[in-house]
PDB file of N, CA and C in Angstrom:
ATOM      1  N   UNK A   1       6.708  -2.075 -24.355  1.00  0.00           N
ATOM      2  CA  UNK A   1       5.773  -2.615 -23.380  1.00  0.00           C
ATOM      3  C   UNK A   1       6.546  -3.146 -22.180  1.00  0.00           C
ATOM      4  N   UNK A   2       5.983  -3.048 -21.027  1.00  0.00           N
ATOM      5  CA  UNK A   2       6.630  -3.530 -19.817  1.00  0.00           C
ATOM      6  C   UNK A   2       6.651  -5.051 -19.771  1.00  0.00           C
ATOM      7  N   UNK A   3       7.757  -5.595 -19.287  1.00  0.00           N
ATOM      8  CA  UNK A   3       7.849  -7.027 -19.087  1.00  0.00           C
ATOM      9  C   UNK A   3       7.659  -7.295 -17.599  1.00  0.00           C
ATOM     10  N   UNK A   4       6.430  -7.586 -17.209  1.00  0.00           N
ATOM     11  CA  UNK A   4       6.109  -7.730 -15.785  1.00  0.00           C
ATOM     12  C   UNK A   4       6.761  -8.948 -15.171  1.00  0.00           C
ATOM     13  N   UNK A   5       7.240  -9.886 -15.981  1.00  0.00           N
ATOM     14  CA  UNK A   5       7.904 -11.057 -15.425  1.00  0.00           C
ATOM     15  C   UNK A   5       9.190 -10.674 -14.701  1.00  0.00           C
ATOM     16  N   UNK A   6       9.745  -9.487 -15.001  1.00  0.00           N
ATOM     17  CA  UNK A   6      10.936  -9.023 -14.291  1.00  0.00           C
ATOM     18  C   UNK A   6      10.667  -8.874 -12.801  1.00  0.00           C
ATOM     19  N   UNK A   7       9.423  -8.605 -12.414  1.00  0.00           N
ATOM     20  CA  UNK A   7       9.086  -8.379 -11.025  1.00  0.00           C
ATOM     21  C   UNK A   7       8.830  -9.668 -10.252  1.00  0.00           C
ATOM     22  N   UNK A   8       8.695 -10.794 -10.936  1.00  0.00           N
ATOM     23  CA  UNK A   8       8.341 -12.035 -10.269  1.00  0.00           C
ATOM     24  C   UNK A   8       9.426 -12.530  -9.324  1.00  0.00           C
ATOM     25  N   UNK A   9      10.676 -12.220  -9.589  1.00  0.00           N
ATOM     26  CA  UNK A   9      11.770 -12.703  -8.760  1.00  0.00           C
ATOM     27  C   UNK A   9      12.150 -11.756  -7.637  1.00  0.00           C
ATOM     28  N   UNK A  10      11.455 -10.641  -7.501  1.00  0.00           N
ATOM     29  CA  UNK A  10      11.800  -9.689  -6.462  1.00  0.00           C
ATOM     30  C   UNK A  10      11.309 -10.185  -5.115  1.00  0.00           C
ATOM     31  N   UNK A  11      11.987  -9.742  -4.063  1.00  0.00           N
ATOM     32  CA  UNK A  11      11.615 -10.143  -2.713  1.00  0.00           C
ATOM     33  C   UNK A  11      10.269  -9.598  -2.299  1.00  0.00           C
ATOM     34  N   UNK A  12      10.011  -8.349  -2.630  1.00  0.00           N
ATOM     35  CA  UNK A  12       8.774  -7.701  -2.207  1.00  0.00           C
ATOM     36  C   UNK A  12       7.760  -7.809  -3.324  1.00  0.00           C
ATOM     37  N   UNK A  13       6.669  -8.499  -3.035  1.00  0.00           N
ATOM     38  CA  UNK A  13       5.575  -8.619  -3.985  1.00  0.00           C
ATOM     39  C   UNK A  13       4.323  -8.863  -3.163  1.00  0.00           C
ATOM     40  N   UNK A  14       3.560  -7.825  -2.953  1.00  0.00           N
ATOM     41  CA  UNK A  14       2.398  -7.918  -2.078  1.00  0.00           C
ATOM     42  C   UNK A  14       1.164  -8.484  -2.755  1.00  0.00           C
ATOM     43  N   UNK A  15       1.156  -8.573  -4.080  1.00  0.00           N
ATOM     44  CA  UNK A  15       0.096  -9.162  -4.879  1.00  0.00           C
ATOM     45  C   UNK A  15      -1.206  -8.363  -4.913  1.00  0.00           C
ATOM     46  N   UNK A  16      -1.472  -7.510  -3.935  1.00  0.00           N
ATOM     47  CA  UNK A  16      -2.694  -6.708  -3.948  1.00  0.00           C
ATOM     48  C   UNK A  16      -2.516  -5.498  -3.036  1.00  0.00           C
ATOM     49  N   UNK A  17      -3.397  -4.513  -3.212  1.00  0.00           N
ATOM     50  CA  UNK A  17      -3.420  -3.356  -2.330  1.00  0.00           C
ATOM     51  C   UNK A  17      -4.776  -2.691  -2.430  1.00  0.00           C
ATOM     52  N   UNK A  18      -5.080  -1.824  -1.477  1.00  0.00           N
ATOM     53  CA  UNK A  18      -6.353  -1.112  -1.454  1.00  0.00           C
ATOM     54  C   UNK A  18      -6.198   0.169  -2.267  1.00  0.00           C
ATOM     55  N   UNK A  19      -7.115   0.374  -3.210  1.00  0.00           N
ATOM     56  CA  UNK A  19      -7.143   1.595  -4.001  1.00  0.00           C
ATOM     57  C   UNK A  19      -8.368   2.386  -3.559  1.00  0.00           C
ATOM     58  N   UNK A  20      -8.147   3.545  -2.976  1.00  0.00           N
ATOM     59  CA  UNK A  20      -9.222   4.337  -2.389  1.00  0.00           C
ATOM     60  C   UNK A  20      -9.866   5.270  -3.420  1.00  0.00           C
ATOM     61  N   UNK A  21     -11.116   5.587  -3.173  1.00  0.00           N
ATOM     62  CA  UNK A  21     -11.841   6.510  -4.038  1.00  0.00           C
ATOM     63  C   UNK A  21     -11.140   7.865  -4.099  1.00  0.00           C
ATOM     64  N   UNK A  22     -10.522   8.279  -3.010  1.00  0.00           N
ATOM     65  CA  UNK A  22      -9.814   9.564  -2.998  1.00  0.00           C
ATOM     66  C   UNK A  22      -8.653   9.569  -3.992  1.00  0.00           C
ATOM     67  N   UNK A  23      -8.015   8.415  -4.214  1.00  0.00           N
ATOM     68  CA  UNK A  23      -6.958   8.324  -5.217  1.00  0.00           C
ATOM     69  C   UNK A  23      -7.554   8.613  -6.598  1.00  0.00           C
ATOM     70  N   UNK A  24      -8.683   7.987  -6.868  1.00  0.00           N
ATOM     71  CA  UNK A  24      -9.361   8.171  -8.155  1.00  0.00           C
ATOM     72  C   UNK A  24      -9.808   9.621  -8.342  1.00  0.00           C
ATOM     73  N   UNK A  25     -10.397  10.196  -7.318  1.00  0.00           N
ATOM     74  CA  UNK A  25     -10.884  11.570  -7.410  1.00  0.00           C
ATOM     75  C   UNK A  25      -9.739  12.557  -7.645  1.00  0.00           C
ATOM     76  N   UNK A  26      -8.577  12.266  -7.096  1.00  0.00           N
ATOM     77  CA  UNK A  26      -7.450  13.185  -7.266  1.00  0.00           C
ATOM     78  C   UNK A  26      -6.951  13.216  -8.707  1.00  0.00           C
ATOM     79  N   UNK A  27      -7.318  12.235  -9.513  1.00  0.00           N
ATOM     80  CA  UNK A  27      -6.848  12.163 -10.896  1.00  0.00           C
ATOM     81  C   UNK A  27      -7.753  12.882 -11.888  1.00  0.00           C
ATOM     82  N   UNK A  28      -8.879  13.402 -11.443  1.00  0.00           N
ATOM     83  CA  UNK A  28      -9.863  13.968 -12.360  1.00  0.00           C
ATOM     84  C   UNK A  28      -9.326  15.094 -13.240  1.00  0.00           C
ATOM     85  N   UNK A  29      -8.379  15.858 -12.741  1.00  0.00           N
ATOM     86  CA  UNK A  29      -7.866  16.991 -13.521  1.00  0.00           C
ATOM     87  C   UNK A  29      -6.653  16.627 -14.376  1.00  0.00           C
ATOM     88  N   UNK A  30      -6.241  15.359 -14.363  1.00  0.00           N
ATOM     89  CA  UNK A  30      -5.063  14.938 -15.112  1.00  0.00           C
ATOM     90  C   UNK A  30      -5.431  14.493 -16.519  1.00  0.00           C
ATOM     91  N   UNK A  31      -4.467  14.620 -17.428  1.00  0.00           N
ATOM     92  CA  UNK A  31      -4.675  14.071 -18.765  1.00  0.00           C
ATOM     93  C   UNK A  31      -4.310  12.578 -18.739  1.00  0.00           C
ATOM     94  N   UNK A  32      -4.552  11.888 -19.845  1.00  0.00           N
ATOM     95  CA  UNK A  32      -4.372  10.440 -19.893  1.00  0.00           C
ATOM     96  C   UNK A  32      -2.945  10.021 -19.536  1.00  0.00           C
ATOM     97  N   UNK A  33      -1.948  10.714 -20.071  1.00  0.00           N
ATOM     98  CA  UNK A  33      -0.551  10.372 -19.808  1.00  0.00           C
ATOM     99  C   UNK A  33      -0.208  10.546 -18.326  1.00  0.00           C
ATOM    100  N   UNK A  34      -0.691  11.627 -17.723  1.00  0.00           N
ATOM    101  CA  UNK A  34      -0.436  11.864 -16.298  1.00  0.00           C
ATOM    102  C   UNK A  34      -1.141  10.823 -15.428  1.00  0.00           C
ATOM    103  N   UNK A  35      -2.350  10.425 -15.820  1.00  0.00           N
ATOM    104  CA  UNK A  35      -3.066   9.384 -15.082  1.00  0.00           C
ATOM    105  C   UNK A  35      -2.262   8.078 -15.104  1.00  0.00           C
ATOM    106  N   UNK A  36      -1.761   7.724 -16.280  1.00  0.00           N
ATOM    107  CA  UNK A  36      -0.969   6.499 -16.409  1.00  0.00           C
ATOM    108  C   UNK A  36       0.276   6.555 -15.531  1.00  0.00           C
ATOM    109  N   UNK A  37       0.939   7.693 -15.512  1.00  0.00           N
ATOM    110  CA  UNK A  37       2.140   7.854 -14.687  1.00  0.00           C
ATOM    111  C   UNK A  37       1.798   7.761 -13.208  1.00  0.00           C
ATOM    112  N   UNK A  38       0.733   8.422 -12.801  1.00  0.00           N
ATOM    113  CA  UNK A  38       0.298   8.425 -11.402  1.00  0.00           C
ATOM    114  C   UNK A  38      -0.095   7.020 -10.950  1.00  0.00           C
ATOM    115  N   UNK A  39      -0.900   6.336 -11.760  1.00  0.00           N
ATOM    116  CA  UNK A  39      -1.310   4.972 -11.417  1.00  0.00           C
ATOM    117  C   UNK A  39      -0.111   4.031 -11.358  1.00  0.00           C
ATOM    118  N   UNK A  40       0.810   4.196 -12.288  1.00  0.00           N
ATOM    119  CA  UNK A  40       2.015   3.374 -12.277  1.00  0.00           C
ATOM    120  C   UNK A  40       2.827   3.580 -11.013  1.00  0.00           C
ATOM    121  N   UNK A  41       2.944   4.829 -10.585  1.00  0.00           N
ATOM    122  CA  UNK A  41       3.697   5.133  -9.366  1.00  0.00           C
ATOM    123  C   UNK A  41       3.021   4.519  -8.141  1.00  0.00           C
ATOM    124  N   UNK A  42       1.692   4.610  -8.084  1.00  0.00           N
ATOM    125  CA  UNK A  42       0.959   4.024  -6.966  1.00  0.00           C
ATOM    126  C   UNK A  42       1.149   2.509  -6.948  1.00  0.00           C
ATOM    127  N   UNK A  43       0.974   1.878  -8.088  1.00  0.00           N
ATOM    128  CA  UNK A  43       1.093   0.418  -8.161  1.00  0.00           C
ATOM    129  C   UNK A  43       2.500  -0.061  -7.832  1.00  0.00           C
ATOM    130  N   UNK A  44       3.518   0.595  -8.387  1.00  0.00           N
ATOM    131  CA  UNK A  44       4.900   0.187  -8.107  1.00  0.00           C
ATOM    132  C   UNK A  44       5.211   0.294  -6.622  1.00  0.00           C
ATOM    133  N   UNK A  45       4.717   1.354  -5.986  1.00  0.00           N
ATOM    134  CA  UNK A  45       5.016   1.528  -4.566  1.00  0.00           C
ATOM    135  C   UNK A  45       4.221   0.542  -3.711  1.00  0.00           C
ATOM    136  N   UNK A  46       2.928   0.400  -3.984  1.00  0.00           N
ATOM    137  CA  UNK A  46       2.081  -0.463  -3.160  1.00  0.00           C
ATOM    138  C   UNK A  46       2.425  -1.945  -3.322  1.00  0.00           C
ATOM    139  N   UNK A  47       2.810  -2.350  -4.521  1.00  0.00           N
ATOM    140  CA  UNK A  47       3.093  -3.762  -4.763  1.00  0.00           C
ATOM    141  C   UNK A  47       4.543  -4.140  -4.530  1.00  0.00           C
ATOM    142  N   UNK A  48       5.469  -3.266  -4.899  1.00  0.00           N
ATOM    143  CA  UNK A  48       6.888  -3.607  -4.864  1.00  0.00           C
ATOM    144  C   UNK A  48       7.725  -2.677  -3.998  1.00  0.00           C
ATOM    145  N   UNK A  49       7.104  -1.669  -3.420  1.00  0.00           N
ATOM    146  CA  UNK A  49       7.775  -0.661  -2.600  1.00  0.00           C
ATOM    147  C   UNK A  49       8.919   0.014  -3.358  1.00  0.00           C
ATOM    148  N   UNK A  50       8.684   0.284  -4.627  1.00  0.00           N
ATOM    149  CA  UNK A  50       9.646   0.971  -5.481  1.00  0.00           C
ATOM    150  C   UNK A  50       9.141   2.371  -5.798  1.00  0.00           C
ATOM    151  N   UNK A  51      10.056   3.302  -5.851  1.00  0.00           N
ATOM    152  CA  UNK A  51       9.711   4.667  -6.241  1.00  0.00           C
ATOM    153  C   UNK A  51      10.468   5.012  -7.517  1.00  0.00           C
ATOM    154  N   UNK A  52       9.998   6.023  -8.207  1.00  0.00           N
ATOM    155  CA  UNK A  52      10.657   6.458  -9.433  1.00  0.00           C
ATOM    156  C   UNK A  52      10.604   7.976  -9.511  1.00  0.00           C
ATOM    157  N   UNK A  53      11.374   8.526 -10.441  1.00  0.00           N
ATOM    158  CA  UNK A  53      11.360   9.969 -10.655  1.00  0.00           C
ATOM    159  C   UNK A  53      10.049  10.354 -11.331  1.00  0.00           C
ATOM    160  N   UNK A  54       9.385  11.353 -10.761  1.00  0.00           N
ATOM    161  CA  UNK A  54       8.100  11.807 -11.284  1.00  0.00           C
ATOM    162  C   UNK A  54       8.159  13.293 -11.559  1.00  0.00           C
ATOM    163  N   UNK A  55       7.281  13.763 -12.420  1.00  0.00           N
ATOM    164  CA  UNK A  55       7.194  15.206 -12.666  1.00  0.00           C
ATOM    165  C   UNK A  55       6.735  15.874 -11.371  1.00  0.00           C
ATOM    166  N   UNK A  56       7.030  17.152 -11.195  1.00  0.00           N
ATOM    167  CA  UNK A  56       6.638  17.835  -9.956  1.00  0.00           C
ATOM    168  C   UNK A  56       5.140  17.729  -9.655  1.00  0.00           C
ATOM    169  N   UNK A  57       4.297  17.810 -10.677  1.00  0.00           N
ATOM    170  CA  UNK A  57       2.857  17.723 -10.492  1.00  0.00           C
ATOM    171  C   UNK A  57       2.459  16.350  -9.938  1.00  0.00           C
ATOM    172  N   UNK A  58       2.955  15.290 -10.554  1.00  0.00           N
ATOM    173  CA  UNK A  58       2.626  13.931 -10.133  1.00  0.00           C
ATOM    174  C   UNK A  58       3.295  13.612  -8.796  1.00  0.00           C
ATOM    175  N   UNK A  59       4.507  14.089  -8.609  1.00  0.00           N
ATOM    176  CA  UNK A  59       5.214  13.876  -7.333  1.00  0.00           C
ATOM    177  C   UNK A  59       4.417  14.466  -6.173  1.00  0.00           C
ATOM    178  N   UNK A  60       3.870  15.651  -6.361  1.00  0.00           N
ATOM    179  CA  UNK A  60       3.059  16.279  -5.316  1.00  0.00           C
ATOM    180  C   UNK A  60       1.823  15.472  -4.991  1.00  0.00           C
ATOM    181  N   UNK A  61       1.174  14.942  -6.010  1.00  0.00           N
ATOM    182  CA  UNK A  61      -0.008  14.107  -5.779  1.00  0.00           C
ATOM    183  C   UNK A  61       0.379  12.801  -5.095  1.00  0.00           C
ATOM    184  N   UNK A  62       1.496  12.221  -5.519  1.00  0.00           N
ATOM    185  CA  UNK A  62       1.933  10.960  -4.926  1.00  0.00           C
ATOM    186  C   UNK A  62       2.263  11.129  -3.443  1.00  0.00           C
ATOM    187  N   UNK A  63       2.832  12.263  -3.089  1.00  0.00           N
ATOM    188  CA  UNK A  63       3.136  12.517  -1.674  1.00  0.00           C
ATOM    189  C   UNK A  63       1.877  12.534  -0.815  1.00  0.00           C
ATOM    190  N   UNK A  64       0.756  12.891  -1.388  1.00  0.00           N
ATOM    191  CA  UNK A  64      -0.506  12.870  -0.647  1.00  0.00           C
ATOM    192  C   UNK A  64      -1.049  11.442  -0.483  1.00  0.00           C
ATOM    193  N   UNK A  65      -0.750  10.573  -1.424  1.00  0.00           N
ATOM    194  CA  UNK A  65      -1.227   9.192  -1.401  1.00  0.00           C
ATOM    195  C   UNK A  65      -0.309   8.292  -0.572  1.00  0.00           C
ATOM    196  N   UNK A  66       0.982   8.576  -0.591  1.00  0.00           N
ATOM    197  CA  UNK A  66       1.989   7.716   0.026  1.00  0.00           C
ATOM    198  C   UNK A  66       1.740   7.417   1.504  1.00  0.00           C
ATOM    199  N   UNK A  67       1.341   8.371   2.341  1.00  0.00           N
ATOM    200  CA  UNK A  67       1.095   8.029   3.746  1.00  0.00           C
ATOM    201  C   UNK A  67       0.019   6.948   3.923  1.00  0.00           C
ATOM    202  N   UNK A  68      -1.010   6.964   3.086  1.00  0.00           N
ATOM    203  CA  UNK A  68      -2.044   5.931   3.179  1.00  0.00           C
ATOM    204  C   UNK A  68      -1.499   4.578   2.741  1.00  0.00           C
ATOM    205  N   UNK A  69      -0.694   4.571   1.683  1.00  0.00           N
ATOM    206  CA  UNK A  69      -0.075   3.323   1.242  1.00  0.00           C
ATOM    207  C   UNK A  69       0.865   2.785   2.320  1.00  0.00           C
ATOM    208  N   UNK A  70       1.635   3.676   2.947  1.00  0.00           N
ATOM    209  CA  UNK A  70       2.535   3.264   4.033  1.00  0.00           C
ATOM    210  C   UNK A  70       1.749   2.676   5.206  1.00  0.00           C
ATOM    211  N   UNK A  71       0.637   3.294   5.557  1.00  0.00           N
ATOM    212  CA  UNK A  71      -0.190   2.787   6.661  1.00  0.00           C
ATOM    213  C   UNK A  71      -0.716   1.394   6.326  1.00  0.00           C
ATOM    214  N   UNK A  72      -1.133   1.183   5.093  1.00  0.00           N
ATOM    215  CA  UNK A  72      -1.622  -0.132   4.691  1.00  0.00           C
ATOM    216  C   UNK A  72      -0.510  -1.181   4.726  1.00  0.00           C
ATOM    217  N   UNK A  73       0.700  -0.791   4.317  1.00  0.00           N
ATOM    218  CA  UNK A  73       1.831  -1.717   4.380  1.00  0.00           C
ATOM    219  C   UNK A  73       2.158  -2.072   5.829  1.00  0.00           C
ATOM    220  N   UNK A  74       2.096  -1.085   6.736  1.00  0.00           N
ATOM    221  CA  UNK A  74       2.328  -1.364   8.162  1.00  0.00           C
ATOM    222  C   UNK A  74       1.289  -2.330   8.706  1.00  0.00           C
ATOM    223  N   UNK A  75       0.020  -2.117   8.348  1.00  0.00           N
ATOM    224  CA  UNK A  75      -1.049  -3.014   8.798  1.00  0.00           C
ATOM    225  C   UNK A  75      -0.799  -4.441   8.303  1.00  0.00           C
ATOM    226  N   UNK A  76      -0.364  -4.557   7.064  1.00  0.00           N
ATOM    227  CA  UNK A  76      -0.080  -5.882   6.505  1.00  0.00           C
ATOM    228  C   UNK A  76       1.045  -6.557   7.283  1.00  0.00           C
ATOM    229  N   UNK A  77       2.117  -5.829   7.537  1.00  0.00           N
ATOM    230  CA  UNK A  77       3.248  -6.404   8.277  1.00  0.00           C
ATOM    231  C   UNK A  77       2.855  -6.765   9.704  1.00  0.00           C
ATOM    232  N   UNK A  78       2.132  -5.882  10.366  1.00  0.00           N
ATOM    233  CA  UNK A  78       1.713  -6.152  11.739  1.00  0.00           C
ATOM    234  C   UNK A  78       0.739  -7.316  11.803  1.00  0.00           C
ATOM    235  N   UNK A  79      -0.080  -7.471  10.805  1.00  0.00           N
ATOM    236  CA  UNK A  79      -1.012  -8.591  10.765  1.00  0.00           C
ATOM    237  C   UNK A  79      -0.310  -9.928  10.662  1.00  0.00           C
ATOM    238  N   UNK A  80       0.862  -9.945  10.046  1.00  0.00           N
ATOM    239  CA  UNK A  80       1.642 -11.181   9.931  1.00  0.00           C
ATOM    240  C   UNK A  80       2.244 -11.598  11.271  1.00  0.00           C
ATOM    241  N   UNK A  81       2.256 -10.680  12.247  1.00  0.00           N
ATOM    242  CA  UNK A  81       2.789 -11.015  13.563  1.00  0.00           C
ATOM    243  C   UNK A  81       1.800 -11.841  14.374  1.00  0.00           C
ATOM    244  N   UNK A  82       0.570 -11.928  13.927  1.00  0.00           N
ATOM    245  CA  UNK A  82      -0.407 -12.777  14.586  1.00  0.00           C
ATOM    246  C   UNK A  82      -1.367 -12.063  15.506  1.00  0.00           C
ATOM    247  N   UNK A  83      -1.195 -10.795  15.734  1.00  0.00           N
ATOM    248  CA  UNK A  83      -2.133 -10.065  16.580  1.00  0.00           C
ATOM    249  C   UNK A  83      -1.903 -10.299  18.063  1.00  0.00           C
ATOM    250  N   UNK A  84      -2.889  -9.937  18.838  1.00  0.00           N
ATOM    251  CA  UNK A  84      -2.818 -10.061  20.290  1.00  0.00           C
ATOM    252  C   UNK A  84      -2.867 -11.533  20.691  1.00  0.00           C
ATOM    253  N   UNK A  85      -2.086 -11.944  21.704  1.00  0.00           N
ATOM    254  CA  UNK A  85      -2.144 -13.337  22.159  1.00  0.00           C
ATOM    255  C   UNK A  85      -3.526 -13.663  22.720  1.00  0.00           C
ATOM    256  N   UNK A  86      -3.925 -14.920  22.589  1.00  0.00           N
ATOM    257  CA  UNK A  86      -5.214 -15.357  23.128  1.00  0.00           C
ATOM    258  C   UNK A  86      -5.204 -15.305  24.650  1.00  0.00           C
ATOM    259  N   UNK A  87      -6.364 -15.005  25.188  1.00  0.00           N
ATOM    260  CA  UNK A  87      -6.527 -14.950  26.645  1.00  0.00           C
ATOM    261  C   UNK A  87      -7.078 -16.283  27.116  1.00  0.00           C
ATOM    262  N   UNK A  88      -6.468 -16.808  28.176  1.00  0.00           N
ATOM    263  CA  UNK A  88      -6.967 -18.035  28.777  1.00  0.00           C
ATOM    264  C   UNK A  88      -8.137 -17.666  29.677  1.00  0.00           C
ATOM    265  N   UNK A  89      -9.362 -18.076  29.301  1.00  0.00           N
ATOM    266  CA  UNK A  89     -10.568 -17.677  30.026  1.00  0.00           C
ATOM    267  C   UNK A  89     -10.551 -18.145  31.467  1.00  0.00           C
ATOM    268  N   UNK A  90     -10.019 -19.318  31.725  1.00  0.00           N
ATOM    269  CA  UNK A  90     -10.016 -19.813  33.117  1.00  0.00           C
ATOM    270  C   UNK A  90      -9.122 -18.959  33.998  1.00  0.00           C
ATOM    271  N   UNK A  91      -7.989 -18.463  33.466  1.00  0.00           N
ATOM    272  CA  UNK A  91      -7.117 -17.596  34.251  1.00  0.00           C
ATOM    273  C   UNK A  91      -7.790 -16.271  34.539  1.00  0.00           C
ATOM    274  N   UNK A  92      -8.523 -15.714  33.568  1.00  0.00           N
ATOM    275  CA  UNK A  92      -9.227 -14.450  33.762  1.00  0.00           C
ATOM    276  C   UNK A  92     -10.299 -14.625  34.814  1.00  0.00           C
ATOM    277  N   UNK A  93     -11.064 -15.698  34.746  1.00  0.00           N
ATOM    278  CA  UNK A  93     -12.132 -15.917  35.717  1.00  0.00           C
ATOM    279  C   UNK A  93     -11.575 -16.133  37.118  1.00  0.00           C
ATOM    280  N   UNK A  94     -10.459 -16.845  37.239  1.00  0.00           N
ATOM    281  CA  UNK A  94      -9.894 -17.091  38.569  1.00  0.00           C
ATOM    282  C   UNK A  94      -9.291 -15.811  39.159  1.00  0.00           C
ATOM    283  N   UNK A  95      -8.815 -14.899  38.310  1.00  0.00           N
ATOM    284  CA  UNK A  95      -8.239 -13.650  38.837  1.00  0.00           C
ATOM    285  C   UNK A  95      -9.333 -12.686  39.277  1.00  0.00           C
ATOM    286  N   UNK A  96     -10.543 -12.831  38.745  1.00  0.00           N
ATOM    287  CA  UNK A  96     -11.658 -11.952  39.116  1.00  0.00           C
ATOM    288  C   UNK A  96     -12.228 -12.353  40.473  1.00  0.00           C
ATOM    289  N   UNK A  97     -12.276 -13.632  40.745  1.00  0.00           N
ATOM    290  CA  UNK A  97     -12.883 -14.101  42.009  1.00  0.00           C
ATOM    291  C   UNK A  97     -11.917 -14.186  43.127  1.00  0.00           C
TER     292      UNK A  97
END
């Protein structure tokens, strides 16, 4: 059994991620063992940004999911920057008139 406490001390731990319906639909043709491997690969990458060796079948599916996971990680990082600076309404109004 996995000892998940090993991951608690790692630097990267996002605690959550978005799991899309398309990820679920892509697993419909897999057997139970392949589903477990695929889900594990998605979770390890989305939560800890870790990759592992996968069978060619699962690796191909993961490559289709990875760009979406990467986009979500970028959004998370960019969101921590605080977004666009606030606009001073009085300066905007004075520049218009």
